[in-house]
Amino acid sequence: MFKFDKVFMVCLLVRAKISSAIIDNINTQGLLSNNSIRTHDFLDNNLWIKDYIIMEPIDFFKLQSKNLLKDFKRRKPNSDKQNNAWKYEYEPQYFDVLLVMIDFNLDEEKLTLMKAQHAIAQMAGFEKWTILIKASEPDLKIAKILYENQHKIDSLMWLFYLAQVEEMNQTKFDSEIKLVICEDAFEREYFDDSVSFDCYLLDKK
């Protein structure tokens, strides 16, 4: 655990400068203009830049919802209906579909994008999708970090960790400082995979 001090404000400034420097460097090289190569060609070949420059957290969660719906549709009638409670067999690419349906009480015959969005919102720590899309940028970024590391931490562990940091500093932090604390915790690998959590993402299992 750590004590909050001016170092965090420095971190904020440094990260802002780094992000700005990356963009300036790309623009200087003409990579984001038609003078060199087409923008989408450059971004497609440099996925890390595409992720951090193009995909905002809200777009990330929208993509997760669409991917979940795609996984729902990767199905075929169950060949052993007598010994299986599920109507379909699934060949998902992104999610443990059966676990998602069990935990979020989803009907195999009524799988819609709206229901997928609702499930993703709850995975991300929000009560429902309409709350997620209205969340602040820092809160969405925190949710994205926790969502991508759901095999290492759940929402209760994060809230407990945050409460400890606030208690140590005898203050309540705003969303921007909470984001810095969250990023710092994962950079220092405070949370690891030594504790097993139910995980919906296949690439984390």
C-alpha atoms as a PDB file:
ATOM      1  CA  MET A   1       0.000   0.000   0.000  1.00  0.00           C
ATOM      2  CA  PHE A   2       1.178   3.528  -0.525  1.00  0.00           C
ATOM      3  CA  LYS A   3       0.522   7.028   0.676  1.00  0.00           C
ATOM      4  CA  PHE A   4      -0.818   9.583  -1.791  1.00  0.00           C
ATOM      5  CA  ASP A   5       1.366  12.662  -2.288  1.00  0.00           C
ATOM      6  CA  LYS A   6       2.513  15.086  -4.941  1.00  0.00           C
ATOM      7  CA  VAL A   7       4.081  12.237  -6.911  1.00  0.00           C
ATOM      8  CA  PHE A   8       0.662  11.402  -8.317  1.00  0.00           C
ATOM      9  CA  MET A   9       0.210  14.900  -9.680  1.00  0.00           C
ATOM     10  CA  VAL A  10       3.590  14.567 -11.346  1.00  0.00           C
ATOM     11  CA  CYS A  11       2.451  11.252 -12.815  1.00  0.00           C
ATOM     12  CA  LEU A  12      -0.594  12.938 -14.271  1.00  0.00           C
ATOM     13  CA  LEU A  13       1.517  15.647 -15.903  1.00  0.00           C
ATOM     14  CA  VAL A  14       4.104  13.184 -17.195  1.00  0.00           C
ATOM     15  CA  ARG A  15       1.454  10.930 -18.744  1.00  0.00           C
ATOM     16  CA  ALA A  16      -0.209  13.896 -20.390  1.00  0.00           C
ATOM     17  CA  LYS A  17       3.128  15.002 -21.830  1.00  0.00           C
ATOM     18  CA  ILE A  18       3.937  11.491 -23.046  1.00  0.00           C
ATOM     19  CA  SER A  19       0.566  11.176 -24.782  1.00  0.00           C
ATOM     20  CA  SER A  20       1.027  14.579 -26.374  1.00  0.00           C
ATOM     21  CA  ALA A  21       4.551  13.714 -27.469  1.00  0.00           C
ATOM     22  CA  ILE A  22       3.365  10.505 -29.141  1.00  0.00           C
ATOM     23  CA  ILE A  23       0.711  12.350 -31.124  1.00  0.00           C
ATOM     24  CA  ASP A  24       3.103  15.167 -32.055  1.00  0.00           C
ATOM     25  CA  ASN A  25       5.694  12.670 -33.215  1.00  0.00           C
ATOM     26  CA  ILE A  26       3.177  10.836 -35.368  1.00  0.00           C
ATOM     27  CA  ASN A  27       1.929  14.061 -36.903  1.00  0.00           C
ATOM     28  CA  THR A  28       5.512  15.289 -37.500  1.00  0.00           C
ATOM     29  CA  GLN A  29       6.226  12.151 -39.488  1.00  0.00           C
ATOM     30  CA  GLY A  30       3.098  12.736 -41.521  1.00  0.00           C
ATOM     31  CA  LEU A  31       1.698   9.392 -40.487  1.00  0.00           C
ATOM     32  CA  LEU A  32      -1.745  10.778 -39.729  1.00  0.00           C
ATOM     33  CA  SER A  33      -2.071  12.639 -42.988  1.00  0.00           C
ATOM     34  CA  ASN A  34      -2.288  11.751 -46.649  1.00  0.00           C
ATOM     35  CA  ASN A  35       1.249  13.105 -47.203  1.00  0.00           C
ATOM     36  CA  SER A  36       2.775   9.815 -46.137  1.00  0.00           C
ATOM     37  CA  ILE A  37       0.428   6.841 -45.790  1.00  0.00           C
ATOM     38  CA  ARG A  38      -3.263   6.564 -45.240  1.00  0.00           C
ATOM     39  CA  THR A  39      -4.309   6.995 -41.618  1.00  0.00           C
ATOM     40  CA  HIS A  40      -6.279   3.767 -41.334  1.00  0.00           C
ATOM     41  CA  ASP A  41      -3.428   1.769 -42.911  1.00  0.00           C
ATOM     42  CA  PHE A  42      -1.012   3.095 -40.306  1.00  0.00           C
ATOM     43  CA  LEU A  43      -3.396   2.462 -37.426  1.00  0.00           C
ATOM     44  CA  ASP A  44      -4.279  -1.035 -38.615  1.00  0.00           C
ATOM     45  CA  ASN A  45      -0.578  -1.918 -38.671  1.00  0.00           C
ATOM     46  CA  ASN A  46       0.040  -0.371 -35.243  1.00  0.00           C
ATOM     47  CA  LEU A  47      -2.734  -1.760 -33.089  1.00  0.00           C
ATOM     48  CA  TRP A  48      -1.400  -0.367 -29.817  1.00  0.00           C
ATOM     49  CA  ILE A  49      -1.752   3.163 -31.229  1.00  0.00           C
ATOM     50  CA  LYS A  50      -5.186   2.346 -32.621  1.00  0.00           C
ATOM     51  CA  ASP A  51      -6.311   1.127 -29.199  1.00  0.00           C
ATOM     52  CA  TYR A  52      -5.080   4.172 -27.297  1.00  0.00           C
ATOM     53  CA  ILE A  53      -5.800   6.910 -29.835  1.00  0.00           C
ATOM     54  CA  ILE A  54      -8.937   5.723 -31.588  1.00  0.00           C
ATOM     55  CA  MET A  55     -10.889   3.539 -29.195  1.00  0.00           C
ATOM     56  CA  GLU A  56     -12.409   5.505 -26.355  1.00  0.00           C
ATOM     57  CA  PRO A  57     -13.556   3.478 -23.321  1.00  0.00           C
ATOM     58  CA  ILE A  58     -17.218   3.786 -24.335  1.00  0.00           C
ATOM     59  CA  ASP A  59     -16.366   2.423 -27.789  1.00  0.00           C
ATOM     60  CA  PHE A  60     -14.460  -0.398 -26.138  1.00  0.00           C
ATOM     61  CA  PHE A  61     -17.530  -1.457 -24.173  1.00  0.00           C
ATOM     62  CA  LYS A  62     -19.745  -1.139 -27.242  1.00  0.00           C
ATOM     63  CA  LEU A  63     -17.364  -3.500 -29.046  1.00  0.00           C
ATOM     64  CA  GLN A  64     -17.495  -5.941 -26.123  1.00  0.00           C
ATOM     65  CA  SER A  65     -21.293  -5.976 -26.368  1.00  0.00           C
ATOM     66  CA  LYS A  66     -21.174  -6.721 -30.084  1.00  0.00           C
ATOM     67  CA  ASN A  67     -18.599  -9.461 -29.544  1.00  0.00           C
ATOM     68  CA  LEU A  68     -20.760 -11.039 -26.863  1.00  0.00           C
ATOM     69  CA  LEU A  69     -23.735 -11.051 -29.220  1.00  0.00           C
ATOM     70  CA  LYS A  70     -21.561 -12.619 -31.927  1.00  0.00           C
ATOM     71  CA  ASP A  71     -20.584 -15.368 -29.500  1.00  0.00           C
ATOM     72  CA  PHE A  72     -24.245 -15.953 -28.679  1.00  0.00           C
ATOM     73  CA  LYS A  73     -24.863 -16.503 -32.384  1.00  0.00           C
ATOM     74  CA  ARG A  74     -22.016 -19.005 -32.762  1.00  0.00           C
ATOM     75  CA  ARG A  75     -24.235 -21.908 -31.873  1.00  0.00           C
ATOM     76  CA  LYS A  76     -25.913 -25.022 -33.181  1.00  0.00           C
ATOM     77  CA  PRO A  77     -28.717 -27.193 -31.796  1.00  0.00           C
ATOM     78  CA  ASN A  78     -27.573 -29.417 -28.962  1.00  0.00           C
ATOM     79  CA  SER A  79     -27.119 -32.992 -30.120  1.00  0.00           C
ATOM     80  CA  ASP A  80     -27.718 -34.408 -26.641  1.00  0.00           C
ATOM     81  CA  LYS A  81     -30.822 -32.617 -25.420  1.00  0.00           C
ATOM     82  CA  GLN A  82     -31.797 -35.329 -22.969  1.00  0.00           C
ATOM     83  CA  ASN A  83     -28.619 -35.015 -20.888  1.00  0.00           C
ATOM     84  CA  ASN A  84     -27.974 -31.317 -21.363  1.00  0.00           C
ATOM     85  CA  ALA A  85     -29.941 -28.368 -19.987  1.00  0.00           C
ATOM     86  CA  TRP A  86     -28.825 -26.134 -22.854  1.00  0.00           C
ATOM     87  CA  LYS A  87     -30.682 -25.952 -26.135  1.00  0.00           C
ATOM     88  CA  TYR A  88     -27.555 -25.112 -28.102  1.00  0.00           C
ATOM     89  CA  GLU A  89     -23.867 -25.924 -28.305  1.00  0.00           C
ATOM     90  CA  TYR A  90     -21.652 -22.849 -28.498  1.00  0.00           C
ATOM     91  CA  GLU A  91     -18.324 -22.211 -30.171  1.00  0.00           C
ATOM     92  CA  PRO A  92     -17.509 -18.765 -28.733  1.00  0.00           C
ATOM     93  CA  GLN A  93     -14.488 -16.709 -29.628  1.00  0.00           C
ATOM     94  CA  TYR A  94     -14.464 -14.082 -26.881  1.00  0.00           C
ATOM     95  CA  PHE A  95     -16.601 -15.104 -23.905  1.00  0.00           C
ATOM     96  CA  ASP A  96     -17.467 -18.075 -21.749  1.00  0.00           C
ATOM     97  CA  VAL A  97     -21.020 -17.876 -23.040  1.00  0.00           C
ATOM     98  CA  LEU A  98     -22.549 -20.462 -20.723  1.00  0.00           C
ATOM     99  CA  LEU A  99     -21.098 -18.757 -17.653  1.00  0.00           C
ATOM    100  CA  VAL A 100     -22.408 -15.393 -18.890  1.00  0.00           C
ATOM    101  CA  MET A 101     -25.901 -16.802 -19.405  1.00  0.00           C
ATOM    102  CA  ILE A 102     -25.927 -18.431 -15.974  1.00  0.00           C
ATOM    103  CA  ASP A 103     -24.630 -15.413 -14.070  1.00  0.00           C
ATOM    104  CA  PHE A 104     -26.816 -12.879 -15.866  1.00  0.00           C
ATOM    105  CA  ASN A 105     -29.891 -15.091 -16.208  1.00  0.00           C
ATOM    106  CA  LEU A 106     -30.068 -14.848 -20.004  1.00  0.00           C
ATOM    107  CA  ASP A 107     -32.527 -16.782 -22.151  1.00  0.00           C
ATOM    108  CA  GLU A 108     -30.964 -18.684 -25.057  1.00  0.00           C
ATOM    109  CA  GLU A 109     -33.911 -17.807 -27.274  1.00  0.00           C
ATOM    110  CA  LYS A 110     -33.986 -14.112 -26.415  1.00  0.00           C
ATOM    111  CA  LEU A 111     -30.435 -12.969 -26.938  1.00  0.00           C
ATOM    112  CA  THR A 112     -30.346  -9.374 -28.177  1.00  0.00           C
ATOM    113  CA  LEU A 113     -27.771  -6.600 -28.340  1.00  0.00           C
ATOM    114  CA  MET A 114     -29.601  -4.795 -25.550  1.00  0.00           C
ATOM    115  CA  LYS A 115     -29.276  -7.813 -23.270  1.00  0.00           C
ATOM    116  CA  ALA A 116     -25.624  -8.179 -24.241  1.00  0.00           C
ATOM    117  CA  GLN A 117     -25.035  -4.517 -23.367  1.00  0.00           C
ATOM    118  CA  HIS A 118     -26.703  -5.003 -20.011  1.00  0.00           C
ATOM    119  CA  ALA A 119     -24.463  -7.984 -19.240  1.00  0.00           C
ATOM    120  CA  ILE A 120     -21.310  -6.092 -20.285  1.00  0.00           C
ATOM    121  CA  ALA A 121     -22.306  -3.103 -18.148  1.00  0.00           C
ATOM    122  CA  GLN A 122     -22.647  -5.328 -15.097  1.00  0.00           C
ATOM    123  CA  MET A 123     -19.344  -7.062 -15.856  1.00  0.00           C
ATOM    124  CA  ALA A 124     -17.808  -3.574 -15.884  1.00  0.00           C
ATOM    125  CA  GLY A 125     -19.262  -2.740 -12.481  1.00  0.00           C
ATOM    126  CA  PHE A 126     -22.283  -0.689 -13.520  1.00  0.00           C
ATOM    127  CA  GLU A 127     -25.886  -1.444 -12.646  1.00  0.00           C
ATOM    128  CA  LYS A 128     -27.025  -1.142 -16.251  1.00  0.00           C
ATOM    129  CA  TRP A 129     -25.966   0.066 -19.704  1.00  0.00           C
ATOM    130  CA  THR A 130     -27.653   3.468 -19.438  1.00  0.00           C
ATOM    131  CA  ILE A 131     -25.516   4.226 -16.386  1.00  0.00           C
ATOM    132  CA  LEU A 132     -22.337   3.050 -18.125  1.00  0.00           C
ATOM    133  CA  ILE A 133     -22.804   5.332 -21.141  1.00  0.00           C
ATOM    134  CA  LYS A 134     -23.312   8.336 -18.855  1.00  0.00           C
ATOM    135  CA  ALA A 135     -20.256   7.640 -16.700  1.00  0.00           C
ATOM    136  CA  SER A 136     -17.334  10.065 -16.632  1.00  0.00           C
ATOM    137  CA  GLU A 137     -14.226   9.389 -18.700  1.00  0.00           C
ATOM    138  CA  PRO A 138     -12.039   8.508 -15.675  1.00  0.00           C
ATOM    139  CA  ASP A 139     -14.702   6.143 -14.309  1.00  0.00           C
ATOM    140  CA  LEU A 140     -14.961   4.426 -17.698  1.00  0.00           C
ATOM    141  CA  LYS A 141     -11.182   4.059 -17.869  1.00  0.00           C
ATOM    142  CA  ILE A 142     -11.116   2.507 -14.415  1.00  0.00           C
ATOM    143  CA  ALA A 143     -13.940   0.162 -15.441  1.00  0.00           C
ATOM    144  CA  LYS A 144     -11.998  -0.831 -18.567  1.00  0.00           C
ATOM    145  CA  ILE A 145      -8.864  -1.634 -16.553  1.00  0.00           C
ATOM    146  CA  LEU A 146     -10.832  -3.748 -14.074  1.00  0.00           C
ATOM    147  CA  TYR A 147     -12.792  -5.416 -16.874  1.00  0.00           C
ATOM    148  CA  GLU A 148      -9.597  -6.416 -18.694  1.00  0.00           C
ATOM    149  CA  ASN A 149      -8.137  -7.758 -15.446  1.00  0.00           C
ATOM    150  CA  GLN A 150     -11.218  -9.535 -14.153  1.00  0.00           C
ATOM    151  CA  HIS A 151      -9.171 -12.721 -13.745  1.00  0.00           C
ATOM    152  CA  LYS A 152      -7.042 -10.890 -11.136  1.00  0.00           C
ATOM    153  CA  ILE A 153      -9.530  -8.705  -9.282  1.00  0.00           C
ATOM    154  CA  ASP A 154     -13.235  -8.201  -8.738  1.00  0.00           C
ATOM    155  CA  SER A 155     -15.098  -4.980  -7.977  1.00  0.00           C
ATOM    156  CA  LEU A 156     -15.185  -5.671  -4.220  1.00  0.00           C
ATOM    157  CA  MET A 157     -11.415  -6.104  -4.028  1.00  0.00           C
ATOM    158  CA  TRP A 158     -10.900  -2.856  -5.935  1.00  0.00           C
ATOM    159  CA  LEU A 159     -13.279  -0.947  -3.649  1.00  0.00           C
ATOM    160  CA  PHE A 160     -11.553  -2.393  -0.582  1.00  0.00           C
ATOM    161  CA  TYR A 161      -8.133  -1.390  -1.920  1.00  0.00           C
ATOM    162  CA  LEU A 162      -9.363   2.116  -2.753  1.00  0.00           C
ATOM    163  CA  ALA A 163     -10.960   2.488   0.686  1.00  0.00           C
ATOM    164  CA  GLN A 164      -7.652   1.559   2.318  1.00  0.00           C
ATOM    165  CA  VAL A 165      -5.768   4.183   0.294  1.00  0.00           C
ATOM    166  CA  GLU A 166      -8.356   6.830   1.145  1.00  0.00           C
ATOM    167  CA  GLU A 167      -8.237   5.893   4.820  1.00  0.00           C
ATOM    168  CA  MET A 168      -4.451   6.131   4.869  1.00  0.00           C
ATOM    169  CA  ASN A 169      -4.657   9.602   3.364  1.00  0.00           C
ATOM    170  CA  GLN A 170      -7.771  10.598   5.327  1.00  0.00           C
ATOM    171  CA  THR A 171      -9.510  11.922   2.260  1.00  0.00           C
ATOM    172  CA  LYS A 172     -11.925  10.982  -0.493  1.00  0.00           C
ATOM    173  CA  PHE A 173     -10.447  11.093  -3.985  1.00  0.00           C
ATOM    174  CA  ASP A 174     -12.212  12.263  -7.121  1.00  0.00           C
ATOM    175  CA  SER A 175     -12.456  10.059 -10.209  1.00  0.00           C
ATOM    176  CA  GLU A 176      -9.278  11.396 -11.835  1.00  0.00           C
ATOM    177  CA  ILE A 177      -7.143  10.572  -8.807  1.00  0.00           C
ATOM    178  CA  LYS A 178      -8.830   7.180  -8.466  1.00  0.00           C
ATOM    179  CA  LEU A 179      -7.778   6.479 -12.054  1.00  0.00           C
ATOM    180  CA  VAL A 180      -4.157   7.321 -11.226  1.00  0.00           C
ATOM    181  CA  ILE A 181      -4.313   5.039  -8.182  1.00  0.00           C
ATOM    182  CA  CYS A 182      -5.793   2.240 -10.293  1.00  0.00           C
ATOM    183  CA  GLU A 183      -3.169   2.585 -13.026  1.00  0.00           C
ATOM    184  CA  ASP A 184      -0.384   2.695 -10.451  1.00  0.00           C
ATOM    185  CA  ALA A 185      -1.632  -0.440  -8.698  1.00  0.00           C
ATOM    186  CA  PHE A 186      -1.569  -2.453 -11.910  1.00  0.00           C
ATOM    187  CA  GLU A 187       1.739  -0.997 -13.074  1.00  0.00           C
ATOM    188  CA  ARG A 188       3.282  -2.137  -9.792  1.00  0.00           C
ATOM    189  CA  GLU A 189       1.491  -5.492 -10.181  1.00  0.00           C
ATOM    190  CA  TYR A 190      -0.194  -5.121  -6.826  1.00  0.00           C
ATOM    191  CA  PHE A 191      -2.942  -7.384  -8.177  1.00  0.00           C
ATOM    192  CA  ASP A 192      -1.812 -10.650  -9.722  1.00  0.00           C
ATOM    193  CA  ASP A 193      -3.374 -13.950 -10.710  1.00  0.00           C
ATOM    194  CA  SER A 194      -2.484 -15.721  -7.447  1.00  0.00           C
ATOM    195  CA  VAL A 195      -6.161 -15.455  -6.475  1.00  0.00           C
ATOM    196  CA  SER A 196      -8.614 -17.020  -8.906  1.00  0.00           C
ATOM    197  CA  PHE A 197     -11.774 -15.172  -9.902  1.00  0.00           C
ATOM    198  CA  ASP A 198     -14.624 -16.209 -12.170  1.00  0.00           C
ATOM    199  CA  CYS A 199     -13.691 -14.775 -15.536  1.00  0.00           C
ATOM    200  CA  TYR A 200     -15.934 -14.289 -18.554  1.00  0.00           C
ATOM    201  CA  LEU A 201     -13.136 -13.606 -21.047  1.00  0.00           C
ATOM    202  CA  LEU A 202     -11.766 -16.635 -22.834  1.00  0.00           C
ATOM    203  CA  ASP A 203      -8.354 -15.092 -23.481  1.00  0.00           C
ATOM    204  CA  LYS A 204      -7.876 -14.630 -19.717  1.00  0.00           C
ATOM    205  CA  LYS A 205      -8.729 -18.208 -18.730  1.00  0.00           C
END
